[in-house]
């Protein structure tokens, strides 16, 4: 999986709109779209900022599609896919918890 696809899947998994993430990062929605669409190579600075905004380790953005990189057995492919799915789910839950805590604080201050 490419960085752009990983960014898009992660963004969708945690429920952030492209426009919202772009605003948080200080980039245009068009630039983020180009990165997600594999039409631009993001800089390391961009990736560091992105990992902070999405609250994921930067290495998470570099998950590669193991099938395309080398020959591995079916068991390894399945395990790798389970790991990727689990990482995406953990990040989605972390974001969901942060979001609900933020909503809870807002309600208490009203």
N, C-alpha and C. Protein backbone atom coordinates (compact mmCIF):
# COMPACT_ATOMS: atom_id res chain seq x y z
N UNK A 1 0.85 -1.17 0.00
CA UNK A 1 0.00 0.00 0.00
C UNK A 1 0.89 1.23 0.00
N UNK A 2 0.54 2.21 -0.75
CA UNK A 2 1.33 3.43 -0.85
C UNK A 2 1.01 4.37 0.32
N UNK A 3 1.87 5.35 0.51
CA UNK A 3 1.65 6.33 1.58
C UNK A 3 0.32 7.05 1.38
N UNK A 4 0.05 7.46 0.15
CA UNK A 4 -1.20 8.18 -0.13
C UNK A 4 -2.43 7.36 0.22
N UNK A 5 -2.42 6.09 -0.17
CA UNK A 5 -3.55 5.22 0.14
C UNK A 5 -3.68 4.99 1.64
N UNK A 6 -2.53 4.84 2.30
CA UNK A 6 -2.55 4.66 3.76
C UNK A 6 -3.14 5.89 4.43
N UNK A 7 -2.74 7.07 3.99
CA UNK A 7 -3.26 8.32 4.55
C UNK A 7 -4.77 8.39 4.37
N UNK A 8 -5.22 8.10 3.18
CA UNK A 8 -6.66 8.17 2.89
C UNK A 8 -7.44 7.16 3.72
N UNK A 9 -6.97 5.91 3.78
CA UNK A 9 -7.67 4.89 4.56
C UNK A 9 -7.71 5.24 6.04
N UNK A 10 -6.60 5.74 6.55
CA UNK A 10 -6.54 6.11 7.96
C UNK A 10 -7.48 7.28 8.24
N UNK A 11 -7.45 8.28 7.37
CA UNK A 11 -8.32 9.45 7.53
C UNK A 11 -9.79 9.04 7.53
N UNK A 12 -10.16 8.17 6.60
CA UNK A 12 -11.54 7.71 6.51
C UNK A 12 -11.90 6.85 7.72
N UNK A 13 -10.97 5.98 8.13
CA UNK A 13 -11.23 5.08 9.25
C UNK A 13 -11.52 5.84 10.55
N UNK A 14 -10.88 6.98 10.73
CA UNK A 14 -11.11 7.74 11.96
C UNK A 14 -12.13 8.86 11.78
N UNK A 15 -12.69 8.95 10.56
CA UNK A 15 -13.81 9.85 10.33
C UNK A 15 -13.47 11.32 10.17
N UNK A 16 -12.34 11.62 9.58
CA UNK A 16 -11.96 13.02 9.36
C UNK A 16 -12.15 13.34 7.88
N UNK A 17 -12.81 14.43 7.59
CA UNK A 17 -12.98 14.88 6.21
C UNK A 17 -11.65 15.43 5.70
N UNK A 18 -11.44 15.28 4.42
CA UNK A 18 -10.20 15.75 3.79
C UNK A 18 -9.99 17.24 4.05
N UNK A 19 -11.03 18.01 3.91
CA UNK A 19 -10.95 19.46 4.11
C UNK A 19 -10.55 19.79 5.55
N UNK A 20 -11.12 19.07 6.50
CA UNK A 20 -10.82 19.30 7.91
C UNK A 20 -9.36 18.97 8.24
N UNK A 21 -8.88 17.84 7.75
CA UNK A 21 -7.49 17.46 8.00
C UNK A 21 -6.53 18.46 7.35
N UNK A 22 -6.84 18.87 6.14
CA UNK A 22 -6.00 19.84 5.45
C UNK A 22 -5.92 21.15 6.25
N UNK A 23 -7.06 21.59 6.77
CA UNK A 23 -7.09 22.82 7.57
C UNK A 23 -6.24 22.67 8.83
N UNK A 24 -6.36 21.53 9.51
CA UNK A 24 -5.56 21.27 10.71
C UNK A 24 -4.06 21.28 10.42
N UNK A 25 -3.72 20.87 9.22
CA UNK A 25 -2.30 20.77 8.85
C UNK A 25 -1.76 22.05 8.22
N UNK A 26 -2.64 22.96 7.84
CA UNK A 26 -2.20 24.19 7.20
C UNK A 26 -1.84 24.00 5.73
N UNK A 27 -2.47 23.01 5.09
CA UNK A 27 -2.27 22.80 3.64
C UNK A 27 -3.63 22.90 2.96
N UNK A 28 -3.60 22.99 1.65
CA UNK A 28 -4.87 23.06 0.93
C UNK A 28 -5.48 21.67 0.80
N UNK A 29 -6.80 21.61 0.73
CA UNK A 29 -7.44 20.32 0.49
C UNK A 29 -6.97 19.70 -0.83
N UNK A 30 -6.68 20.55 -1.81
CA UNK A 30 -6.19 20.06 -3.10
C UNK A 30 -4.85 19.34 -2.94
N UNK A 31 -3.94 19.90 -2.14
CA UNK A 31 -2.65 19.25 -1.93
C UNK A 31 -2.83 17.89 -1.25
N UNK A 32 -3.67 17.84 -0.22
CA UNK A 32 -3.91 16.57 0.47
C UNK A 32 -4.52 15.56 -0.49
N UNK A 33 -5.41 16.01 -1.34
CA UNK A 33 -6.01 15.14 -2.35
C UNK A 33 -4.94 14.59 -3.31
N UNK A 34 -4.01 15.43 -3.69
CA UNK A 34 -2.94 15.00 -4.59
C UNK A 34 -2.04 13.96 -3.91
N UNK A 35 -1.77 14.15 -2.62
CA UNK A 35 -0.96 13.17 -1.88
C UNK A 35 -1.71 11.84 -1.80
N UNK A 36 -2.98 11.91 -1.42
CA UNK A 36 -3.78 10.69 -1.30
C UNK A 36 -3.94 9.99 -2.65
N UNK A 37 -3.97 10.76 -3.72
CA UNK A 37 -4.13 10.20 -5.06
C UNK A 37 -2.83 9.81 -5.73
N UNK A 38 -1.74 9.86 -4.98
CA UNK A 38 -0.41 9.47 -5.49
C UNK A 38 0.11 10.38 -6.61
N UNK A 39 -0.35 11.62 -6.62
CA UNK A 39 0.12 12.56 -7.63
C UNK A 39 1.19 13.49 -7.09
N UNK A 40 1.40 13.47 -5.77
CA UNK A 40 2.47 14.24 -5.12
C UNK A 40 3.16 13.36 -4.09
N UNK A 41 4.47 13.52 -4.00
CA UNK A 41 5.26 12.84 -2.98
C UNK A 41 5.38 13.78 -1.79
N UNK A 42 4.83 13.39 -0.64
CA UNK A 42 4.89 14.28 0.52
C UNK A 42 6.30 14.34 1.10
N UNK A 43 6.62 15.49 1.66
CA UNK A 43 7.93 15.66 2.30
C UNK A 43 7.91 14.98 3.67
N UNK A 44 9.08 14.78 4.23
CA UNK A 44 9.18 14.20 5.56
C UNK A 44 8.53 15.13 6.60
N UNK A 45 8.69 16.43 6.42
CA UNK A 45 8.07 17.39 7.33
C UNK A 45 6.55 17.24 7.30
N UNK A 46 5.99 17.10 6.10
CA UNK A 46 4.56 16.89 5.94
C UNK A 46 4.13 15.61 6.67
N UNK A 47 4.90 14.54 6.48
CA UNK A 47 4.55 13.25 7.09
C UNK A 47 4.65 13.30 8.62
N UNK A 48 5.64 14.02 9.14
CA UNK A 48 5.76 14.17 10.59
C UNK A 48 4.54 14.92 11.15
N UNK A 49 4.16 16.00 10.48
CA UNK A 49 2.99 16.77 10.91
C UNK A 49 1.73 15.91 10.81
N UNK A 50 1.60 15.20 9.73
CA UNK A 50 0.44 14.34 9.53
C UNK A 50 0.34 13.28 10.63
N UNK A 51 1.46 12.67 10.96
CA UNK A 51 1.43 11.64 12.00
C UNK A 51 1.02 12.25 13.35
N UNK A 52 1.44 13.47 13.62
CA UNK A 52 1.04 14.14 14.87
C UNK A 52 -0.45 14.46 14.86
N UNK A 53 -0.94 14.97 13.74
CA UNK A 53 -2.36 15.35 13.65
C UNK A 53 -3.28 14.13 13.72
N UNK A 54 -2.81 13.00 13.18
CA UNK A 54 -3.62 11.78 13.22
C UNK A 54 -3.32 10.93 14.45
N UNK A 55 -2.32 11.35 15.22
CA UNK A 55 -1.91 10.65 16.44
C UNK A 55 -1.51 9.20 16.15
N UNK A 56 -0.65 9.05 15.14
CA UNK A 56 -0.12 7.73 14.78
C UNK A 56 1.39 7.83 14.67
N UNK A 57 2.09 6.74 14.92
CA UNK A 57 3.55 6.76 14.70
C UNK A 57 3.83 6.99 13.22
N UNK A 58 4.86 7.73 12.91
CA UNK A 58 5.17 8.04 11.52
C UNK A 58 5.41 6.77 10.70
N UNK A 59 5.97 5.75 11.31
CA UNK A 59 6.20 4.49 10.60
C UNK A 59 4.93 3.85 10.10
N UNK A 60 3.83 4.13 10.75
CA UNK A 60 2.54 3.60 10.35
C UNK A 60 2.19 4.03 8.93
N UNK A 61 2.64 5.21 8.54
CA UNK A 61 2.33 5.73 7.20
C UNK A 61 3.10 5.01 6.10
N UNK A 62 4.11 4.25 6.49
CA UNK A 62 4.95 3.58 5.51
C UNK A 62 4.62 2.11 5.32
N UNK A 63 3.47 1.68 5.83
CA UNK A 63 3.08 0.29 5.63
C UNK A 63 3.01 0.00 4.13
N UNK A 64 3.71 -0.99 3.72
CA UNK A 64 3.76 -1.34 2.30
C UNK A 64 2.88 -2.55 2.05
N UNK A 65 2.45 -2.66 0.83
CA UNK A 65 1.73 -3.86 0.43
C UNK A 65 2.76 -4.96 0.23
N UNK A 66 2.79 -5.85 1.16
CA UNK A 66 3.83 -6.88 1.18
C UNK A 66 3.74 -7.80 -0.03
N UNK A 67 2.57 -7.97 -0.58
CA UNK A 67 2.42 -8.85 -1.75
C UNK A 67 3.24 -8.35 -2.93
N UNK A 68 3.29 -7.05 -3.10
CA UNK A 68 4.02 -6.50 -4.23
C UNK A 68 5.52 -6.43 -4.02
N UNK A 69 5.97 -6.49 -2.78
CA UNK A 69 7.38 -6.28 -2.51
C UNK A 69 8.22 -7.55 -2.56
N UNK A 70 7.63 -8.70 -2.25
CA UNK A 70 8.39 -9.95 -2.29
C UNK A 70 7.45 -11.13 -2.21
N UNK A 71 7.98 -12.28 -2.51
CA UNK A 71 7.18 -13.51 -2.45
C UNK A 71 7.10 -13.99 -1.01
N UNK A 72 5.88 -14.14 -0.52
CA UNK A 72 5.67 -14.68 0.81
C UNK A 72 4.53 -15.68 0.75
N UNK A 73 4.43 -16.48 1.76
CA UNK A 73 3.38 -17.48 1.81
C UNK A 73 2.03 -16.89 2.19
N UNK A 74 1.00 -17.66 1.98
CA UNK A 74 -0.37 -17.23 2.28
C UNK A 74 -0.53 -16.90 3.76
N UNK A 75 0.07 -17.70 4.63
CA UNK A 75 -0.04 -17.46 6.08
C UNK A 75 0.55 -16.09 6.45
N UNK A 76 1.71 -15.76 5.88
CA UNK A 76 2.33 -14.47 6.16
C UNK A 76 1.47 -13.32 5.63
N UNK A 77 0.89 -13.50 4.45
CA UNK A 77 0.01 -12.47 3.88
C UNK A 77 -1.19 -12.22 4.80
N UNK A 78 -1.79 -13.30 5.28
CA UNK A 78 -2.95 -13.17 6.16
C UNK A 78 -2.57 -12.49 7.48
N UNK A 79 -1.44 -12.86 8.03
CA UNK A 79 -0.98 -12.26 9.28
C UNK A 79 -0.69 -10.77 9.09
N UNK A 80 -0.02 -10.43 7.99
CA UNK A 80 0.27 -9.04 7.70
C UNK A 80 -1.02 -8.23 7.57
N UNK A 81 -2.01 -8.78 6.88
CA UNK A 81 -3.28 -8.08 6.71
C UNK A 81 -3.98 -7.90 8.05
N UNK A 82 -3.92 -8.90 8.91
CA UNK A 82 -4.53 -8.79 10.24
C UNK A 82 -3.86 -7.70 11.06
N UNK A 83 -2.54 -7.61 10.95
CA UNK A 83 -1.80 -6.56 11.67
C UNK A 83 -2.22 -5.18 11.17
N UNK A 84 -2.29 -5.02 9.86
CA UNK A 84 -2.72 -3.72 9.30
C UNK A 84 -4.13 -3.38 9.76
N UNK A 85 -5.04 -4.34 9.68
CA UNK A 85 -6.42 -4.10 10.10
C UNK A 85 -6.48 -3.72 11.57
N UNK A 86 -5.71 -4.41 12.39
CA UNK A 86 -5.69 -4.12 13.82
C UNK A 86 -5.15 -2.72 14.09
N UNK A 87 -4.09 -2.34 13.41
CA UNK A 87 -3.53 -1.00 13.60
C UNK A 87 -4.53 0.08 13.21
N UNK A 88 -5.23 -0.12 12.10
CA UNK A 88 -6.25 0.86 11.69
C UNK A 88 -7.37 0.93 12.73
N UNK A 89 -7.79 -0.21 13.24
CA UNK A 89 -8.86 -0.23 14.24
C UNK A 89 -8.43 0.44 15.54
N UNK A 90 -7.22 0.20 15.98
CA UNK A 90 -6.71 0.85 17.19
C UNK A 90 -6.71 2.36 17.02
N UNK A 91 -6.25 2.84 15.88
CA UNK A 91 -6.22 4.28 15.64
C UNK A 91 -7.63 4.86 15.58
N UNK A 92 -8.56 4.14 14.97
CA UNK A 92 -9.94 4.61 14.89
C UNK A 92 -10.54 4.71 16.29
N UNK A 93 -10.28 3.72 17.14
CA UNK A 93 -10.80 3.73 18.51
C UNK A 93 -10.17 4.85 19.32
N UNK A 94 -8.86 5.04 19.19
CA UNK A 94 -8.19 6.12 19.91
C UNK A 94 -8.78 7.47 19.52
N UNK A 95 -9.00 7.66 18.23
CA UNK A 95 -9.56 8.93 17.77
C UNK A 95 -10.99 9.09 18.26
N UNK A 96 -11.76 8.03 18.21
CA UNK A 96 -13.15 8.07 18.66
C UNK A 96 -13.21 8.42 20.15
N UNK A 97 -12.32 7.84 20.95
CA UNK A 97 -12.27 8.14 22.38
C UNK A 97 -11.90 9.59 22.63
N UNK A 98 -10.91 10.09 21.88
CA UNK A 98 -10.52 11.50 22.04
C UNK A 98 -11.67 12.41 21.67
N UNK A 99 -12.37 12.07 20.59
CA UNK A 99 -13.48 12.89 20.11
C UNK A 99 -14.61 12.90 21.15
N UNK A 100 -14.94 11.75 21.73
CA UNK A 100 -16.02 11.69 22.72
C UNK A 100 -15.63 12.41 24.00
N UNK A 101 -14.36 12.36 24.39
CA UNK A 101 -13.91 13.10 25.56
C UNK A 101 -14.04 14.60 25.32
N UNK A 102 -13.72 15.03 24.12
CA UNK A 102 -13.85 16.44 23.77
C UNK A 102 -15.29 16.88 23.80
N UNK A 103 -16.20 16.03 23.31
CA UNK A 103 -17.62 16.35 23.35
C UNK A 103 -18.13 16.38 24.78
N UNK A 104 -17.62 15.45 25.61
CA UNK A 104 -18.03 15.39 27.01
C UNK A 104 -17.63 16.68 27.72
N UNK A 105 -16.41 17.17 27.49
CA UNK A 105 -15.95 18.41 28.12
C UNK A 105 -16.81 19.58 27.68
N UNK A 106 -17.15 19.61 26.38
CA UNK A 106 -17.97 20.70 25.86
C UNK A 106 -19.32 20.73 26.56
N UNK A 107 -19.94 19.58 26.73
CA UNK A 107 -21.25 19.52 27.38
C UNK A 107 -21.19 19.97 28.83
N UNK A 108 -20.10 19.67 29.53
CA UNK A 108 -19.97 20.06 30.92
C UNK A 108 -19.77 21.56 31.09
N UNK A 109 -19.23 22.21 30.08
CA UNK A 109 -18.98 23.64 30.18
C UNK A 109 -20.15 24.48 29.74
N UNK A 110 -21.18 23.88 29.23
CA UNK A 110 -22.34 24.63 28.73
C UNK A 110 -23.30 24.91 29.83
